[in-house]
Amino acid sequence: MTKGNSTKITDELYRYMLDHNPPLDRVQRGLVATTYTKFPDVAGMQSAEEQGPLLAFLVRLTGARHIVEVGTFTGFSALSMAQALPADGRLIACDVSEEWTQYGRQAWEEAGVADRIELRIAPALETLRAMPTEPHIDMAYVDADKQSQISYWEELVPRLRTGGLIVTDNTLFHGTVLDDSATGAAAGVRAFNDHVSADPRMESVLLAISDGLTLSRKR
């Protein structure tokens, strides 16, 4: 099996791609810079720069009005999605850290979208399980604890409307998904990918965007 016409992404080509995508606005760029300044050791948990415009595009494409985010970190992805929501749209952001999310709160206020985002500081599974059980979610973005991804999935799918979308980040996990002896987070991602591809309720594609991005649509 060959990789066809895949193109190696050099630093120069990556910059070219960003230059031909919708640019980040002042608040988004400020939040990205703040994240790398305040949390240099874990700043890689922030969604990649190109994922901000992509998430916004998907919100508009699906007509989403009710979004759930599992794993908010410093708030870049939530900001990007909230900016694409209609004025009466809502995003529930799930995280466990007041320290990280305080920077998101500041950015959401500055961007004028704080009224569209409800931040819930608690284990995400608790937040998800407290939600109504009927299908009501239009879109979900999952970028959190990799060993709990199947559990997040099983709480989200029944609550997702027909045609709704789940976007899951890091599904190539730095290439460690190839290691069948992987443990910890890498093993969690491998198990999640197998679970998703076998789920008859959803149709999914795994794409080589950033560290791997899986798009899953409810049948």
Protein backbone atom coordinates (compact mmCIF):
# COMPACT_ATOMS: atom_id res chain seq x y z
CA MET A 1 0.00 0.00 0.00
CA THR A 2 1.38 3.43 -0.94
CA LYS A 3 0.48 6.86 0.35
CA GLY A 4 -0.46 8.10 -3.11
CA ASN A 5 -0.03 11.82 -3.64
CA SER A 6 0.64 12.74 -0.01
CA THR A 7 2.84 15.82 0.32
CA LYS A 8 5.51 16.21 2.99
CA ILE A 9 4.68 19.30 5.02
CA THR A 10 7.82 21.37 5.45
CA ASP A 11 7.92 24.51 7.60
CA GLU A 12 7.72 26.60 4.45
CA LEU A 13 4.75 24.67 3.10
CA TYR A 14 2.99 24.85 6.47
CA ARG A 15 3.37 28.63 6.44
CA TYR A 16 2.05 28.73 2.87
CA MET A 17 -1.01 26.75 3.99
CA LEU A 18 -1.68 29.12 6.88
CA ASP A 19 -1.27 32.10 4.57
CA HIS A 20 -4.01 30.70 2.32
CA ASN A 21 -6.43 29.88 5.13
CA PRO A 22 -8.68 32.35 6.93
CA PRO A 23 -6.33 34.30 9.21
CA LEU A 24 -6.63 34.25 12.97
CA ASP A 25 -7.97 37.50 14.36
CA ARG A 26 -6.24 39.64 16.98
CA VAL A 27 -7.88 37.89 19.95
CA GLN A 28 -7.12 34.41 18.62
CA ARG A 29 -3.48 35.30 17.97
CA GLY A 30 -3.16 36.86 21.39
CA LEU A 31 -4.55 33.74 23.05
CA VAL A 32 -2.20 31.46 21.12
CA ALA A 33 0.78 33.63 22.16
CA THR A 34 -0.37 33.78 25.78
CA THR A 35 -0.69 29.99 25.91
CA TYR A 36 2.89 29.49 24.75
CA THR A 37 4.13 32.15 27.18
CA LYS A 38 2.22 30.99 30.26
CA PHE A 39 2.34 27.22 29.69
CA PRO A 40 5.37 26.45 27.51
CA ASP A 41 5.69 22.87 28.76
CA VAL A 42 2.14 21.90 27.79
CA ALA A 43 1.31 24.43 25.06
CA GLY A 44 1.22 21.57 22.56
CA MET A 45 -2.16 20.65 24.01
CA GLN A 46 -3.57 23.68 22.22
CA SER A 47 -5.33 22.87 18.96
CA ALA A 48 -3.14 23.61 15.95
CA GLU A 49 -3.49 27.03 14.35
CA GLU A 50 -5.14 25.65 11.21
CA GLN A 51 -7.76 23.87 13.29
CA GLY A 52 -9.33 27.13 14.45
CA PRO A 53 -10.59 28.13 10.98
CA LEU A 54 -11.49 24.49 10.24
CA LEU A 55 -13.66 24.18 13.35
CA ALA A 56 -15.37 27.47 12.53
CA PHE A 57 -15.96 26.22 8.98
CA LEU A 58 -17.53 23.01 10.30
CA VAL A 59 -19.82 24.96 12.65
CA ARG A 60 -21.11 26.99 9.71
CA LEU A 61 -21.26 23.97 7.39
CA THR A 62 -23.41 21.96 9.80
CA GLY A 63 -25.50 24.91 10.92
CA ALA A 64 -24.64 23.98 14.50
CA ARG A 65 -26.38 25.86 17.29
CA HIS A 66 -25.57 23.58 20.22
CA ILE A 67 -21.93 22.51 20.60
CA VAL A 68 -20.16 20.52 23.31
CA GLU A 69 -16.40 20.72 23.75
CA VAL A 70 -14.59 18.09 25.82
CA GLY A 71 -11.24 19.53 26.80
CA THR A 72 -10.94 23.32 26.60
CA PHE A 73 -7.40 24.04 27.86
CA THR A 74 -6.84 27.80 27.34
CA GLY A 75 -9.86 28.23 25.11
CA PHE A 76 -8.59 28.65 21.54
CA SER A 77 -10.84 26.02 19.98
CA ALA A 78 -13.89 27.16 21.97
CA LEU A 79 -13.24 30.73 20.86
CA SER A 80 -12.98 29.68 17.21
CA MET A 81 -16.23 27.72 17.31
CA ALA A 82 -18.16 30.31 19.33
CA GLN A 83 -17.25 33.01 16.83
CA ALA A 84 -18.94 30.93 14.11
CA LEU A 85 -22.11 30.32 16.11
CA PRO A 86 -25.24 32.43 15.58
CA ALA A 87 -25.93 34.95 18.33
CA ASP A 88 -28.32 32.56 20.08
CA GLY A 89 -26.02 29.54 19.72
CA ARG A 90 -24.45 27.92 22.76
CA LEU A 91 -21.25 26.03 23.46
CA ILE A 92 -20.74 24.00 26.62
CA ALA A 93 -17.02 23.82 27.37
CA CYS A 94 -15.86 21.02 29.67
CA ASP A 95 -12.57 21.20 31.54
CA VAL A 96 -11.14 20.55 35.00
CA SER A 97 -8.69 23.45 35.24
CA GLU A 98 -9.55 26.93 36.44
CA GLU A 99 -5.93 27.91 35.87
CA TRP A 100 -5.91 27.10 32.15
CA THR A 101 -9.43 28.22 31.35
CA GLN A 102 -9.11 31.65 32.97
CA TYR A 103 -7.21 32.75 29.87
CA GLY A 104 -10.00 31.44 27.69
CA ARG A 105 -12.57 33.38 29.70
CA GLN A 106 -10.61 36.59 29.16
CA ALA A 107 -10.31 35.97 25.41
CA TRP A 108 -14.00 35.08 25.06
CA GLU A 109 -14.96 38.34 26.78
CA GLU A 110 -12.57 40.32 24.60
CA ALA A 111 -13.96 38.71 21.44
CA GLY A 112 -17.56 39.38 22.50
CA VAL A 113 -18.62 35.73 22.57
CA ALA A 114 -18.58 34.99 26.30
CA ASP A 115 -22.38 34.91 26.33
CA ARG A 116 -22.30 31.97 23.89
CA ILE A 117 -19.97 29.82 26.03
CA GLU A 118 -20.85 28.04 29.26
CA LEU A 119 -17.73 26.73 30.96
CA ARG A 120 -18.30 23.78 33.27
CA ILE A 121 -15.38 22.98 35.57
CA ALA A 122 -15.81 19.30 36.44
CA PRO A 123 -14.79 15.90 35.09
CA ALA A 124 -16.22 15.82 31.57
CA LEU A 125 -18.00 12.51 32.06
CA GLU A 126 -19.96 14.00 34.95
CA THR A 127 -20.94 16.98 32.79
CA LEU A 128 -21.94 14.80 29.84
CA ARG A 129 -23.96 12.37 31.96
CA ALA A 130 -25.90 15.28 33.48
CA MET A 131 -27.07 16.44 30.05
CA PRO A 132 -30.49 15.53 28.63
CA THR A 133 -30.39 12.06 27.11
CA GLU A 134 -32.38 12.85 23.98
CA PRO A 135 -30.57 13.87 20.77
CA HIS A 136 -29.89 17.60 21.00
CA ILE A 137 -26.20 18.19 20.25
CA ASP A 138 -25.32 19.46 16.77
CA MET A 139 -21.54 19.22 17.04
CA ALA A 140 -18.92 18.08 19.54
CA TYR A 141 -15.17 18.60 19.67
CA VAL A 142 -13.18 16.12 21.75
CA ASP A 143 -9.61 16.96 22.71
CA ALA A 144 -9.07 15.60 26.21
CA ASP A 145 -7.90 12.57 28.20
CA LYS A 146 -7.14 9.94 25.56
CA GLN A 147 -7.83 6.98 27.83
CA SER A 148 -11.40 8.20 28.37
CA GLN A 149 -12.22 8.85 24.72
CA ILE A 150 -14.46 5.81 24.28
CA SER A 151 -16.42 6.85 27.37
CA TYR A 152 -16.84 10.38 26.00
CA TRP A 153 -17.94 8.91 22.68
CA GLU A 154 -20.55 6.69 24.28
CA GLU A 155 -22.04 9.64 26.16
CA LEU A 156 -22.03 11.93 23.12
CA VAL A 157 -23.34 9.68 20.33
CA PRO A 158 -26.83 9.06 21.82
CA ARG A 159 -27.16 12.81 22.49
CA LEU A 160 -26.10 13.77 18.96
CA ARG A 161 -28.83 14.65 16.47
CA THR A 162 -29.04 12.77 13.19
CA GLY A 163 -26.51 14.39 10.88
CA GLY A 164 -24.61 15.81 13.84
CA LEU A 165 -20.82 15.83 13.91
CA ILE A 166 -18.17 14.71 16.38
CA VAL A 167 -14.64 16.00 15.72
CA THR A 168 -11.90 14.15 17.63
CA ASP A 169 -8.33 15.45 17.82
CA ASN A 170 -5.00 13.59 18.08
CA THR A 171 -6.22 10.36 16.49
CA LEU A 172 -2.77 9.62 15.02
CA PHE A 173 -1.12 10.51 18.35
CA HIS A 174 2.36 11.26 17.04
CA GLY A 175 2.39 8.00 15.08
CA THR A 176 2.22 5.81 18.19
CA VAL A 177 -1.05 4.29 16.95
CA LEU A 178 1.13 1.97 14.86
CA ASP A 179 2.57 0.36 17.99
CA ASP A 180 0.38 -2.57 19.00
CA SER A 181 2.27 -2.80 22.30
CA ALA A 182 1.49 0.82 23.18
CA THR A 183 0.26 1.60 26.67
CA GLY A 184 -1.34 4.59 28.35
CA ALA A 185 -2.68 7.39 26.16
CA ALA A 186 -1.40 5.80 22.94
CA ALA A 187 -3.25 2.57 23.73
CA GLY A 188 -6.34 4.63 24.47
CA VAL A 189 -6.19 6.30 21.06
CA ARG A 190 -5.67 2.95 19.30
CA ALA A 191 -8.68 1.47 21.08
CA PHE A 192 -10.75 4.56 20.33
CA ASN A 193 -9.93 4.47 16.62
CA ASP A 194 -10.96 0.80 16.42
CA HIS A 195 -14.14 1.54 18.36
CA VAL A 196 -15.12 4.44 16.10
CA SER A 197 -14.46 2.64 12.82
CA ALA A 198 -16.66 -0.27 13.98
CA ASP A 199 -19.58 1.86 15.23
CA PRO A 200 -22.58 1.37 12.90
CA ARG A 201 -24.32 4.47 14.29
CA MET A 202 -21.73 6.76 12.75
CA GLU A 203 -19.79 7.26 9.53
CA SER A 204 -16.24 8.41 10.15
CA VAL A 205 -13.10 9.49 8.34
CA LEU A 206 -9.65 9.79 9.91
CA LEU A 207 -7.61 12.58 8.31
CA ALA A 208 -3.91 13.43 8.54
CA ILE A 209 -4.57 16.96 9.77
CA SER A 210 -2.13 18.11 12.43
CA ASP A 211 -1.84 15.10 14.82
CA GLY A 212 -4.78 13.30 13.22
CA LEU A 213 -8.39 14.47 13.14
CA THR A 214 -11.42 12.18 12.93
CA LEU A 215 -14.74 13.51 11.64
CA SER A 216 -17.76 11.39 12.55
CA ARG A 217 -21.31 12.01 11.35
CA LYS A 218 -24.35 10.41 12.94
CA ARG A 219 -26.37 8.33 10.48
